[in-house]
């Protein structure tokens, strides 16, 4: 007998909305959503909406055990230090110029190259996934990201045998981003994953959210989403992806290594030096809910860390 074990982040199939009904409902709501979006997302994010790439079909393998966070909450509560330390960075982030935008792929690959985001989207195709997002500050949201698996970009890059890590770099433009004028931050923003982490099915490159192109304050036009890690690992507004042999020194590691390490996997039992991680505040609600190990994705990712027990995996 074949017994299907339900994973912790899945809902039962009989509770899921049929795909045809879901897509039909989205098409009916699209016009209304467009009228409401300007208040939370600004105008710039919708310049590419007519491309036909959005909304993308939802991948039913990636569902949630909680409602999607309404965009009016998640769209106006963002960490984007390039544009300031306030959560309400939307006005400042409107200065981000995202068209044209190219990404450089370099390092230990067969042949370095650059590619425009629009060409990358056409090459990879898009899908929507519902993911948890857990900030190290102990707040969380549930988000319908649109994008493609990071593993597809890894395959396109063709890393050589010496590549062990993937390093992500965001833009650097002090004239455009006032936060980058702060000398005590180690700009540009650098993040990294092991090659094994980058190849995991959950690692995702994001170009849209809520069925629309990614707004500036979310990290337009392309960002990373690594849902089993604290949110600072999910670097925004990427301009370069490098395949390297040595572990990258990440932005927050360079700023305060005692509090923010390379791995940054979610663990309720390991507190931040200044606060507990046992629970999280859900945006748009008055709820605090228990934090889950690996943010609820342990079944998919725990095996990546066997043999690394001496590492600071959860800081």
C-alpha atoms as a PDB file:
ATOM      1  CA  UNK A   1       0.000   0.000   0.000  1.00  0.00           C
ATOM      2  CA  UNK A   2       1.288   3.474  -0.865  1.00  0.00           C
ATOM      3  CA  UNK A   3       0.787   5.907   1.990  1.00  0.00           C
ATOM      4  CA  UNK A   4       1.314   9.609   1.239  1.00  0.00           C
ATOM      5  CA  UNK A   5       2.776  11.477   4.220  1.00  0.00           C
ATOM      6  CA  UNK A   6       1.600  15.047   4.387  1.00  0.00           C
ATOM      7  CA  UNK A   7       4.430  17.502   4.926  1.00  0.00           C
ATOM      8  CA  UNK A   8       4.157  20.059   7.702  1.00  0.00           C
ATOM      9  CA  UNK A   9       3.604  23.023   5.417  1.00  0.00           C
ATOM     10  CA  UNK A  10       1.009  21.388   3.155  1.00  0.00           C
ATOM     11  CA  UNK A  11      -2.774  21.531   3.390  1.00  0.00           C
ATOM     12  CA  UNK A  12      -4.977  18.507   2.633  1.00  0.00           C
ATOM     13  CA  UNK A  13      -5.821  18.170  -1.061  1.00  0.00           C
ATOM     14  CA  UNK A  14      -9.574  18.341  -0.396  1.00  0.00           C
ATOM     15  CA  UNK A  15      -9.115  21.861   1.066  1.00  0.00           C
ATOM     16  CA  UNK A  16      -7.155  23.204  -1.889  1.00  0.00           C
ATOM     17  CA  UNK A  17      -8.921  25.367  -4.459  1.00  0.00           C
ATOM     18  CA  UNK A  18      -9.011  23.654  -7.877  1.00  0.00           C
ATOM     19  CA  UNK A  19      -6.522  25.286 -10.239  1.00  0.00           C
ATOM     20  CA  UNK A  20      -9.153  26.201 -12.850  1.00  0.00           C
ATOM     21  CA  UNK A  21     -11.313  27.912 -10.262  1.00  0.00           C
ATOM     22  CA  UNK A  22      -8.325  29.692  -8.768  1.00  0.00           C
ATOM     23  CA  UNK A  23      -7.151  31.087 -12.099  1.00  0.00           C
ATOM     24  CA  UNK A  24     -10.685  32.121 -13.030  1.00  0.00           C
ATOM     25  CA  UNK A  25     -11.110  33.979  -9.764  1.00  0.00           C
ATOM     26  CA  UNK A  26      -7.781  35.731 -10.267  1.00  0.00           C
ATOM     27  CA  UNK A  27      -8.742  36.954 -13.703  1.00  0.00           C
ATOM     28  CA  UNK A  28     -11.981  38.405 -12.343  1.00  0.00           C
ATOM     29  CA  UNK A  29     -10.194  40.140  -9.481  1.00  0.00           C
ATOM     30  CA  UNK A  30      -7.285  41.414 -11.557  1.00  0.00           C
ATOM     31  CA  UNK A  31      -8.826  44.718 -12.567  1.00  0.00           C
ATOM     32  CA  UNK A  32      -9.986  45.519  -9.032  1.00  0.00           C
ATOM     33  CA  UNK A  33      -6.597  44.638  -7.604  1.00  0.00           C
ATOM     34  CA  UNK A  34      -4.907  46.955 -10.070  1.00  0.00           C
ATOM     35  CA  UNK A  35      -7.006  49.884  -8.880  1.00  0.00           C
ATOM     36  CA  UNK A  36      -6.139  49.202  -5.239  1.00  0.00           C
ATOM     37  CA  UNK A  37      -2.457  48.551  -5.746  1.00  0.00           C
ATOM     38  CA  UNK A  38      -1.173  52.096  -6.100  1.00  0.00           C
ATOM     39  CA  UNK A  39      -1.777  52.906  -2.445  1.00  0.00           C
ATOM     40  CA  UNK A  40       0.530  50.119  -1.239  1.00  0.00           C
ATOM     41  CA  UNK A  41       2.860  49.561  -4.150  1.00  0.00           C
ATOM     42  CA  UNK A  42       3.241  52.806  -6.104  1.00  0.00           C
ATOM     43  CA  UNK A  43       3.001  53.115  -9.889  1.00  0.00           C
ATOM     44  CA  UNK A  44       6.436  52.026 -11.065  1.00  0.00           C
ATOM     45  CA  UNK A  45       5.958  48.358 -10.210  1.00  0.00           C
ATOM     46  CA  UNK A  46       3.197  47.917 -12.760  1.00  0.00           C
ATOM     47  CA  UNK A  47       5.019  49.181 -15.837  1.00  0.00           C
ATOM     48  CA  UNK A  48       5.631  45.618 -17.014  1.00  0.00           C
ATOM     49  CA  UNK A  49       2.184  44.257 -16.109  1.00  0.00           C
ATOM     50  CA  UNK A  50       1.105  44.169 -19.738  1.00  0.00           C
ATOM     51  CA  UNK A  51       3.853  41.710 -20.636  1.00  0.00           C
ATOM     52  CA  UNK A  52       1.528  38.769 -20.083  1.00  0.00           C
ATOM     53  CA  UNK A  53       3.920  37.063 -17.666  1.00  0.00           C
ATOM     54  CA  UNK A  54       1.746  37.889 -14.653  1.00  0.00           C
ATOM     55  CA  UNK A  55      -0.140  36.369 -13.011  1.00  0.00           C
ATOM     56  CA  UNK A  56       1.722  33.084 -13.398  1.00  0.00           C
ATOM     57  CA  UNK A  57       0.150  29.705 -12.763  1.00  0.00           C
ATOM     58  CA  UNK A  58       0.413  28.562  -9.173  1.00  0.00           C
ATOM     59  CA  UNK A  59       2.554  25.542  -8.402  1.00  0.00           C
ATOM     60  CA  UNK A  60       0.245  23.490  -6.192  1.00  0.00           C
ATOM     61  CA  UNK A  61       3.190  21.731  -4.535  1.00  0.00           C
ATOM     62  CA  UNK A  62       3.962  24.913  -2.565  1.00  0.00           C
ATOM     63  CA  UNK A  63       1.040  25.781  -0.304  1.00  0.00           C
ATOM     64  CA  UNK A  64       0.546  27.147   3.202  1.00  0.00           C
ATOM     65  CA  UNK A  65      -1.114  26.360   6.497  1.00  0.00           C
ATOM     66  CA  UNK A  66      -2.058  30.004   7.049  1.00  0.00           C
ATOM     67  CA  UNK A  67      -3.769  32.728   4.979  1.00  0.00           C
ATOM     68  CA  UNK A  68      -1.703  34.818   2.589  1.00  0.00           C
ATOM     69  CA  UNK A  69      -0.801  38.145   4.185  1.00  0.00           C
ATOM     70  CA  UNK A  70      -2.845  40.941   2.562  1.00  0.00           C
ATOM     71  CA  UNK A  71      -0.624  43.072   0.352  1.00  0.00           C
ATOM     72  CA  UNK A  72      -1.622  46.283   2.124  1.00  0.00           C
ATOM     73  CA  UNK A  73       0.368  45.020   5.132  1.00  0.00           C
ATOM     74  CA  UNK A  74       3.345  43.328   3.497  1.00  0.00           C
ATOM     75  CA  UNK A  75       3.673  46.059   0.856  1.00  0.00           C
ATOM     76  CA  UNK A  76       4.273  48.776   3.402  1.00  0.00           C
ATOM     77  CA  UNK A  77       6.410  46.932   5.957  1.00  0.00           C
ATOM     78  CA  UNK A  78       9.816  46.203   4.515  1.00  0.00           C
ATOM     79  CA  UNK A  79      13.471  46.080   5.438  1.00  0.00           C
ATOM     80  CA  UNK A  80      15.501  47.649   2.641  1.00  0.00           C
ATOM     81  CA  UNK A  81      18.481  49.348   4.269  1.00  0.00           C
ATOM     82  CA  UNK A  82      19.644  50.789   0.966  1.00  0.00           C
ATOM     83  CA  UNK A  83      16.707  53.189   1.323  1.00  0.00           C
ATOM     84  CA  UNK A  84      16.714  53.699   5.093  1.00  0.00           C
ATOM     85  CA  UNK A  85      16.112  51.917   8.363  1.00  0.00           C
ATOM     86  CA  UNK A  86      12.385  52.666   8.576  1.00  0.00           C
ATOM     87  CA  UNK A  87       9.953  49.870   7.740  1.00  0.00           C
ATOM     88  CA  UNK A  88       8.051  52.310   5.536  1.00  0.00           C
ATOM     89  CA  UNK A  89      10.646  52.529   2.772  1.00  0.00           C
ATOM     90  CA  UNK A  90       8.151  52.633  -0.097  1.00  0.00           C
ATOM     91  CA  UNK A  91       8.483  56.379  -0.866  1.00  0.00           C
ATOM     92  CA  UNK A  92      12.288  56.284  -0.860  1.00  0.00           C
ATOM     93  CA  UNK A  93      12.388  53.018  -2.830  1.00  0.00           C
ATOM     94  CA  UNK A  94      10.475  54.643  -5.673  1.00  0.00           C
ATOM     95  CA  UNK A  95      13.830  56.168  -6.649  1.00  0.00           C
ATOM     96  CA  UNK A  96      15.104  52.717  -7.648  1.00  0.00           C
ATOM     97  CA  UNK A  97      15.492  52.595 -11.436  1.00  0.00           C
ATOM     98  CA  UNK A  98      14.776  49.038 -12.554  1.00  0.00           C
ATOM     99  CA  UNK A  99      14.530  49.345 -16.346  1.00  0.00           C
ATOM    100  CA  UNK A 100      16.824  48.300 -17.921  1.00  0.00           C
ATOM    101  CA  UNK A 101      18.347  45.833 -15.460  1.00  0.00           C
ATOM    102  CA  UNK A 102      20.954  43.184 -16.147  1.00  0.00           C
ATOM    103  CA  UNK A 103      22.470  40.440 -14.015  1.00  0.00           C
ATOM    104  CA  UNK A 104      26.068  39.328 -14.330  1.00  0.00           C
ATOM    105  CA  UNK A 105      26.850  35.622 -13.875  1.00  0.00           C
ATOM    106  CA  UNK A 106      30.532  35.068 -13.191  1.00  0.00           C
ATOM    107  CA  UNK A 107      33.164  33.262 -11.135  1.00  0.00           C
ATOM    108  CA  UNK A 108      33.751  29.536 -11.480  1.00  0.00           C
ATOM    109  CA  UNK A 109      31.468  28.925 -14.438  1.00  0.00           C
ATOM    110  CA  UNK A 110      32.108  27.608 -17.929  1.00  0.00           C
ATOM    111  CA  UNK A 111      31.542  31.026 -19.488  1.00  0.00           C
ATOM    112  CA  UNK A 112      30.611  34.251 -17.627  1.00  0.00           C
ATOM    113  CA  UNK A 113      27.741  36.216 -19.142  1.00  0.00           C
ATOM    114  CA  UNK A 114      25.280  39.026 -18.550  1.00  0.00           C
ATOM    115  CA  UNK A 115      21.552  38.789 -19.150  1.00  0.00           C
ATOM    116  CA  UNK A 116      18.656  41.215 -18.866  1.00  0.00           C
ATOM    117  CA  UNK A 117      15.918  40.364 -16.393  1.00  0.00           C
ATOM    118  CA  UNK A 118      13.248  40.255 -19.114  1.00  0.00           C
ATOM    119  CA  UNK A 119      15.346  37.814 -21.146  1.00  0.00           C
ATOM    120  CA  UNK A 120      15.980  35.761 -18.030  1.00  0.00           C
ATOM    121  CA  UNK A 121      12.237  35.527 -17.342  1.00  0.00           C
ATOM    122  CA  UNK A 122      11.573  34.432 -20.921  1.00  0.00           C
ATOM    123  CA  UNK A 123      14.316  31.808 -20.639  1.00  0.00           C
ATOM    124  CA  UNK A 124      13.239  30.390 -17.286  1.00  0.00           C
ATOM    125  CA  UNK A 125       9.477  30.824 -17.314  1.00  0.00           C
ATOM    126  CA  UNK A 126       7.508  31.799 -14.217  1.00  0.00           C
ATOM    127  CA  UNK A 127       5.400  30.104 -11.584  1.00  0.00           C
ATOM    128  CA  UNK A 128       3.756  31.237  -8.370  1.00  0.00           C
ATOM    129  CA  UNK A 129       4.570  29.681  -5.008  1.00  0.00           C
ATOM    130  CA  UNK A 130       3.078  30.373  -1.589  1.00  0.00           C
ATOM    131  CA  UNK A 131       5.906  30.704   0.933  1.00  0.00           C
ATOM    132  CA  UNK A 132       6.350  31.588   4.566  1.00  0.00           C
ATOM    133  CA  UNK A 133       8.732  34.486   5.208  1.00  0.00           C
ATOM    134  CA  UNK A 134      10.276  34.798   8.677  1.00  0.00           C
ATOM    135  CA  UNK A 135      12.299  37.872   9.647  1.00  0.00           C
ATOM    136  CA  UNK A 136      15.085  37.603  12.210  1.00  0.00           C
ATOM    137  CA  UNK A 137      13.242  40.422  14.033  1.00  0.00           C
ATOM    138  CA  UNK A 138      10.520  37.858  14.924  1.00  0.00           C
ATOM    139  CA  UNK A 139       7.775  38.955  12.534  1.00  0.00           C
ATOM    140  CA  UNK A 140       6.465  36.911   9.650  1.00  0.00           C
ATOM    141  CA  UNK A 141       4.216  36.929   6.607  1.00  0.00           C
ATOM    142  CA  UNK A 142       2.866  34.508   4.034  1.00  0.00           C
ATOM    143  CA  UNK A 143       3.600  35.574   0.472  1.00  0.00           C
ATOM    144  CA  UNK A 144       2.604  34.522  -3.070  1.00  0.00           C
ATOM    145  CA  UNK A 145       5.973  34.934  -4.793  1.00  0.00           C
ATOM    146  CA  UNK A 146       6.281  34.668  -8.578  1.00  0.00           C
ATOM    147  CA  UNK A 147       9.569  33.538 -10.069  1.00  0.00           C
ATOM    148  CA  UNK A 148      11.586  30.451 -10.927  1.00  0.00           C
ATOM    149  CA  UNK A 149      13.767  27.948  -9.056  1.00  0.00           C
ATOM    150  CA  UNK A 150      17.301  29.096  -8.351  1.00  0.00           C
ATOM    151  CA  UNK A 151      18.445  25.669  -9.529  1.00  0.00           C
ATOM    152  CA  UNK A 152      17.479  26.685 -13.078  1.00  0.00           C
ATOM    153  CA  UNK A 153      19.930  29.592 -12.954  1.00  0.00           C
ATOM    154  CA  UNK A 154      22.598  27.297 -11.527  1.00  0.00           C
ATOM    155  CA  UNK A 155      22.080  24.934 -14.452  1.00  0.00           C
ATOM    156  CA  UNK A 156      22.241  27.829 -16.931  1.00  0.00           C
ATOM    157  CA  UNK A 157      25.489  29.080 -15.370  1.00  0.00           C
ATOM    158  CA  UNK A 158      27.201  25.660 -15.588  1.00  0.00           C
ATOM    159  CA  UNK A 159      29.464  25.984 -12.538  1.00  0.00           C
ATOM    160  CA  UNK A 160      32.799  24.201 -12.648  1.00  0.00           C
ATOM    161  CA  UNK A 161      33.889  21.548 -10.147  1.00  0.00           C
ATOM    162  CA  UNK A 162      35.648  24.131  -7.985  1.00  0.00           C
ATOM    163  CA  UNK A 163      32.452  26.045  -7.196  1.00  0.00           C
ATOM    164  CA  UNK A 164      31.226  25.406  -3.638  1.00  0.00           C
ATOM    165  CA  UNK A 165      29.185  28.533  -2.915  1.00  0.00           C
ATOM    166  CA  UNK A 166      26.913  30.996  -4.705  1.00  0.00           C
ATOM    167  CA  UNK A 167      27.427  34.663  -3.857  1.00  0.00           C
ATOM    168  CA  UNK A 168      24.683  37.228  -4.463  1.00  0.00           C
ATOM    169  CA  UNK A 169      25.393  40.937  -4.833  1.00  0.00           C
ATOM    170  CA  UNK A 170      22.853  43.743  -4.911  1.00  0.00           C
ATOM    171  CA  UNK A 171      23.152  47.088  -6.682  1.00  0.00           C
ATOM    172  CA  UNK A 172      25.432  49.884  -5.492  1.00  0.00           C
ATOM    173  CA  UNK A 173      24.353  53.420  -6.364  1.00  0.00           C
ATOM    174  CA  UNK A 174      24.788  55.980  -3.605  1.00  0.00           C
ATOM    175  CA  UNK A 175      23.126  58.716  -5.641  1.00  0.00           C
ATOM    176  CA  UNK A 176      19.961  56.649  -5.949  1.00  0.00           C
ATOM    177  CA  UNK A 177      19.976  54.912  -2.565  1.00  0.00           C
ATOM    178  CA  UNK A 178      20.557  57.233   0.418  1.00  0.00           C
ATOM    179  CA  UNK A 179      21.149  54.354   2.837  1.00  0.00           C
ATOM    180  CA  UNK A 180      24.285  53.439   0.908  1.00  0.00           C
ATOM    181  CA  UNK A 181      25.820  56.777   1.890  1.00  0.00           C
ATOM    182  CA  UNK A 182      26.123  55.508   5.466  1.00  0.00           C
ATOM    183  CA  UNK A 183      29.828  54.715   5.720  1.00  0.00           C
ATOM    184  CA  UNK A 184      29.503  52.202   8.574  1.00  0.00           C
ATOM    185  CA  UNK A 185      27.584  49.675   6.430  1.00  0.00           C
ATOM    186  CA  UNK A 186      29.715  47.272   4.329  1.00  0.00           C
ATOM    187  CA  UNK A 187      28.063  48.000   0.977  1.00  0.00           C
ATOM    188  CA  UNK A 188      27.243  46.471  -1.428  1.00  0.00           C
ATOM    189  CA  UNK A 189      24.870  43.954   0.145  1.00  0.00           C
ATOM    190  CA  UNK A 190      26.365  40.466  -0.168  1.00  0.00           C
ATOM    191  CA  UNK A 191      24.688  37.168   0.621  1.00  0.00           C
ATOM    192  CA  UNK A 192      25.591  33.563  -0.046  1.00  0.00           C
ATOM    193  CA  UNK A 193      24.432  29.962  -0.102  1.00  0.00           C
ATOM    194  CA  UNK A 194      26.237  26.689  -0.506  1.00  0.00           C
ATOM    195  CA  UNK A 195      25.841  25.137  -3.926  1.00  0.00           C
ATOM    196  CA  UNK A 196      23.763  22.395  -2.296  1.00  0.00           C
ATOM    197  CA  UNK A 197      21.403  24.970  -0.751  1.00  0.00           C
ATOM    198  CA  UNK A 198      21.118  26.787  -4.074  1.00  0.00           C
ATOM    199  CA  UNK A 199      20.124  23.507  -5.723  1.00  0.00           C
ATOM    200  CA  UNK A 200      17.342  22.791  -3.219  1.00  0.00           C
ATOM    201  CA  UNK A 201      13.859  22.906  -4.748  1.00  0.00           C
ATOM    202  CA  UNK A 202      12.716  25.613  -2.317  1.00  0.00           C
ATOM    203  CA  UNK A 203      15.386  28.196  -3.228  1.00  0.00           C
ATOM    204  CA  UNK A 204      13.610  30.660  -5.509  1.00  0.00           C
ATOM    205  CA  UNK A 205      14.451  33.735  -7.581  1.00  0.00           C
ATOM    206  CA  UNK A 206      11.544  36.174  -7.356  1.00  0.00           C
ATOM    207  CA  UNK A 207      10.380  38.643 -10.003  1.00  0.00           C
ATOM    208  CA  UNK A 208       6.803  39.190  -8.835  1.00  0.00           C
ATOM    209  CA  UNK A 209       4.383  39.061  -5.924  1.00  0.00           C
ATOM    210  CA  UNK A 210       0.592  39.038  -5.605  1.00  0.00           C
ATOM    211  CA  UNK A 211       0.323  38.233  -9.292  1.00  0.00           C
ATOM    212  CA  UNK A 212       2.189  41.376 -10.401  1.00  0.00           C
ATOM    213  CA  UNK A 213       5.783  42.404 -11.135  1.00  0.00           C
ATOM    214  CA  UNK A 214       7.861  42.874  -8.019  1.00  0.00           C
ATOM    215  CA  UNK A 215       7.467  46.353  -6.460  1.00  0.00           C
ATOM    216  CA  UNK A 216      10.583  48.327  -5.635  1.00  0.00           C
ATOM    217  CA  UNK A 217      10.336  48.003  -1.859  1.00  0.00           C
ATOM    218  CA  UNK A 218      10.259  44.198  -2.177  1.00  0.00           C
ATOM    219  CA  UNK A 219      13.567  44.209  -4.074  1.00  0.00           C
ATOM    220  CA  UNK A 220      12.645  44.790  -7.708  1.00  0.00           C
ATOM    221  CA  UNK A 221      13.248  43.636 -10.309  1.00  0.00           C
ATOM    222  CA  UNK A 222      14.687  40.331  -8.998  1.00  0.00           C
ATOM    223  CA  UNK A 223      15.447  39.022  -5.539  1.00  0.00           C
ATOM    224  CA  UNK A 224      16.153  35.804  -3.707  1.00  0.00           C
ATOM    225  CA  UNK A 225      13.684  33.882  -1.511  1.00  0.00           C
ATOM    226  CA  UNK A 226      15.084  31.217   0.810  1.00  0.00           C
ATOM    227  CA  UNK A 227      12.077  30.405   3.004  1.00  0.00           C
ATOM    228  CA  UNK A 228      13.775  28.175   5.601  1.00  0.00           C
ATOM    229  CA  UNK A 229      16.221  30.945   6.538  1.00  0.00           C
ATOM    230  CA  UNK A 230      15.767  34.307   8.217  1.00  0.00           C
ATOM    231  CA  UNK A 231      14.717  36.981   5.756  1.00  0.00           C
ATOM    232  CA  UNK A 232      18.034  38.846   5.579  1.00  0.00           C
ATOM    233  CA  UNK A 233      19.420  35.899   3.577  1.00  0.00           C
ATOM    234  CA  UNK A 234      16.950  36.702   0.773  1.00  0.00           C
ATOM    235  CA  UNK A 235      18.948  39.455  -0.925  1.00  0.00           C
ATOM    236  CA  UNK A 236      17.077  42.094  -2.942  1.00  0.00           C
ATOM    237  CA  UNK A 237      17.655  43.824  -6.286  1.00  0.00           C
ATOM    238  CA  UNK A 238      20.361  41.457  -7.498  1.00  0.00           C
ATOM    239  CA  UNK A 239      22.947  42.561 -10.042  1.00  0.00           C
ATOM    240  CA  UNK A 240      25.489  39.755  -9.806  1.00  0.00           C
ATOM    241  CA  UNK A 241      25.530  36.043  -9.031  1.00  0.00           C
ATOM    242  CA  UNK A 242      29.016  34.593  -8.588  1.00  0.00           C
ATOM    243  CA  UNK A 243      30.065  30.964  -8.189  1.00  0.00           C
ATOM    244  CA  UNK A 244      32.999  30.817  -5.801  1.00  0.00           C
ATOM    245  CA  UNK A 245      35.201  28.341  -3.941  1.00  0.00           C
ATOM    246  CA  UNK A 246      35.305  30.158  -0.577  1.00  0.00           C
ATOM    247  CA  UNK A 247      32.397  30.980   1.711  1.00  0.00           C
ATOM    248  CA  UNK A 248      31.302  34.581   1.071  1.00  0.00           C
ATOM    249  CA  UNK A 249      31.481  37.088   3.899  1.00  0.00           C
ATOM    250  CA  UNK A 250      27.921  38.330   3.986  1.00  0.00           C
ATOM    251  CA  UNK A 251      26.682  41.868   4.661  1.00  0.00           C
ATOM    252  CA  UNK A 252      25.316  41.289   8.160  1.00  0.00           C
ATOM    253  CA  UNK A 253      28.174  38.973   9.057  1.00  0.00           C
ATOM    254  CA  UNK A 254      30.575  41.785   8.206  1.00  0.00           C
ATOM    255  CA  UNK A 255      28.574  44.240  10.274  1.00  0.00           C
ATOM    256  CA  UNK A 256      27.866  42.110  13.367  1.00  0.00           C
ATOM    257  CA  UNK A 257      29.040  38.501  13.130  1.00  0.00           C
ATOM    258  CA  UNK A 258      28.075  37.722  16.727  1.00  0.00           C
ATOM    259  CA  UNK A 259      24.417  38.265  15.891  1.00  0.00           C
ATOM    260  CA  UNK A 260      24.144  37.362  12.189  1.00  0.00           C
ATOM    261  CA  UNK A 261      26.002  34.368  10.837  1.00  0.00           C
ATOM    262  CA  UNK A 262      26.323  32.820   7.409  1.00  0.00           C
ATOM    263  CA  UNK A 263      23.754  30.043   7.841  1.00  0.00           C
ATOM    264  CA  UNK A 264      20.806  31.882   9.451  1.00  0.00           C
ATOM    265  CA  UNK A 265      18.453  28.893   9.497  1.00  0.00           C
ATOM    266  CA  UNK A 266      15.260  29.455  11.483  1.00  0.00           C
ATOM    267  CA  UNK A 267      15.204  27.739  14.875  1.00  0.00           C
ATOM    268  CA  UNK A 268      12.794  28.618  17.725  1.00  0.00           C
ATOM    269  CA  UNK A 269      15.158  27.105  20.291  1.00  0.00           C
ATOM    270  CA  UNK A 270      18.114  29.366  19.433  1.00  0.00           C
ATOM    271  CA  UNK A 271      17.530  32.945  20.524  1.00  0.00           C
ATOM    272  CA  UNK A 272      18.953  36.010  18.895  1.00  0.00           C
ATOM    273  CA  UNK A 273      21.396  37.559  21.407  1.00  0.00           C
ATOM    274  CA  UNK A 274      18.828  40.296  22.105  1.00  0.00           C
ATOM    275  CA  UNK A 275      15.443  38.535  21.809  1.00  0.00           C
ATOM    276  CA  UNK A 276      13.695  35.178  21.703  1.00  0.00           C
ATOM    277  CA  UNK A 277      12.918  33.410  18.441  1.00  0.00           C
ATOM    278  CA  UNK A 278      10.364  31.056  20.025  1.00  0.00           C
ATOM    279  CA  UNK A 279       7.386  32.888  18.492  1.00  0.00           C
ATOM    280  CA  UNK A 280       6.658  35.386  15.736  1.00  0.00           C
ATOM    281  CA  UNK A 281       4.224  38.238  15.093  1.00  0.00           C
ATOM    282  CA  UNK A 282       2.148  37.650  11.962  1.00  0.00           C
ATOM    283  CA  UNK A 283       1.792  40.814   9.874  1.00  0.00           C
ATOM    284  CA  UNK A 284      -1.762  42.049   9.486  1.00  0.00           C
ATOM    285  CA  UNK A 285      -2.982  40.246  12.607  1.00  0.00           C
ATOM    286  CA  UNK A 286      -2.724  40.549  16.376  1.00  0.00           C
ATOM    287  CA  UNK A 287      -1.414  37.002  16.596  1.00  0.00           C
ATOM    288  CA  UNK A 288       1.845  35.604  17.858  1.00  0.00           C
ATOM    289  CA  UNK A 289       2.362  32.037  16.713  1.00  0.00           C
ATOM    290  CA  UNK A 290       5.045  29.479  17.545  1.00  0.00           C
ATOM    291  CA  UNK A 291       8.091  29.568  15.301  1.00  0.00           C
ATOM    292  CA  UNK A 292       8.785  26.302  13.475  1.00  0.00           C
ATOM    293  CA  UNK A 293      12.201  24.751  13.001  1.00  0.00           C
ATOM    294  CA  UNK A 294      13.507  25.676   9.539  1.00  0.00           C
ATOM    295  CA  UNK A 295      10.379  27.858   9.307  1.00  0.00           C
ATOM    296  CA  UNK A 296       8.298  24.734   8.679  1.00  0.00           C
ATOM    297  CA  UNK A 297      10.472  23.392   5.851  1.00  0.00           C
ATOM    298  CA  UNK A 298      12.606  20.992   7.850  1.00  0.00           C
ATOM    299  CA  UNK A 299      11.549  17.917   5.922  1.00  0.00           C
ATOM    300  CA  UNK A 300      12.898  19.454   2.736  1.00  0.00           C
ATOM    301  CA  UNK A 301      16.123  21.007   4.022  1.00  0.00           C
ATOM    302  CA  UNK A 302      17.357  19.446   7.288  1.00  0.00           C
ATOM    303  CA  UNK A 303      19.423  16.919   5.355  1.00  0.00           C
ATOM    304  CA  UNK A 304      21.538  19.733   3.928  1.00  0.00           C
ATOM    305  CA  UNK A 305      23.156  20.224   7.337  1.00  0.00           C
ATOM    306  CA  UNK A 306      24.108  16.717   8.393  1.00  0.00           C
ATOM    307  CA  UNK A 307      27.719  16.659   9.498  1.00  0.00           C
ATOM    308  CA  UNK A 308      27.687  20.416  10.159  1.00  0.00           C
ATOM    309  CA  UNK A 309      26.551  20.287  13.767  1.00  0.00           C
ATOM    310  CA  UNK A 310      29.577  22.267  14.918  1.00  0.00           C
ATOM    311  CA  UNK A 311      28.632  25.171  12.680  1.00  0.00           C
ATOM    312  CA  UNK A 312      26.477  28.073  13.920  1.00  0.00           C
ATOM    313  CA  UNK A 313      23.571  26.908  11.786  1.00  0.00           C
ATOM    314  CA  UNK A 314      20.825  28.950  13.451  1.00  0.00           C
ATOM    315  CA  UNK A 315      22.336  32.419  13.961  1.00  0.00           C
END
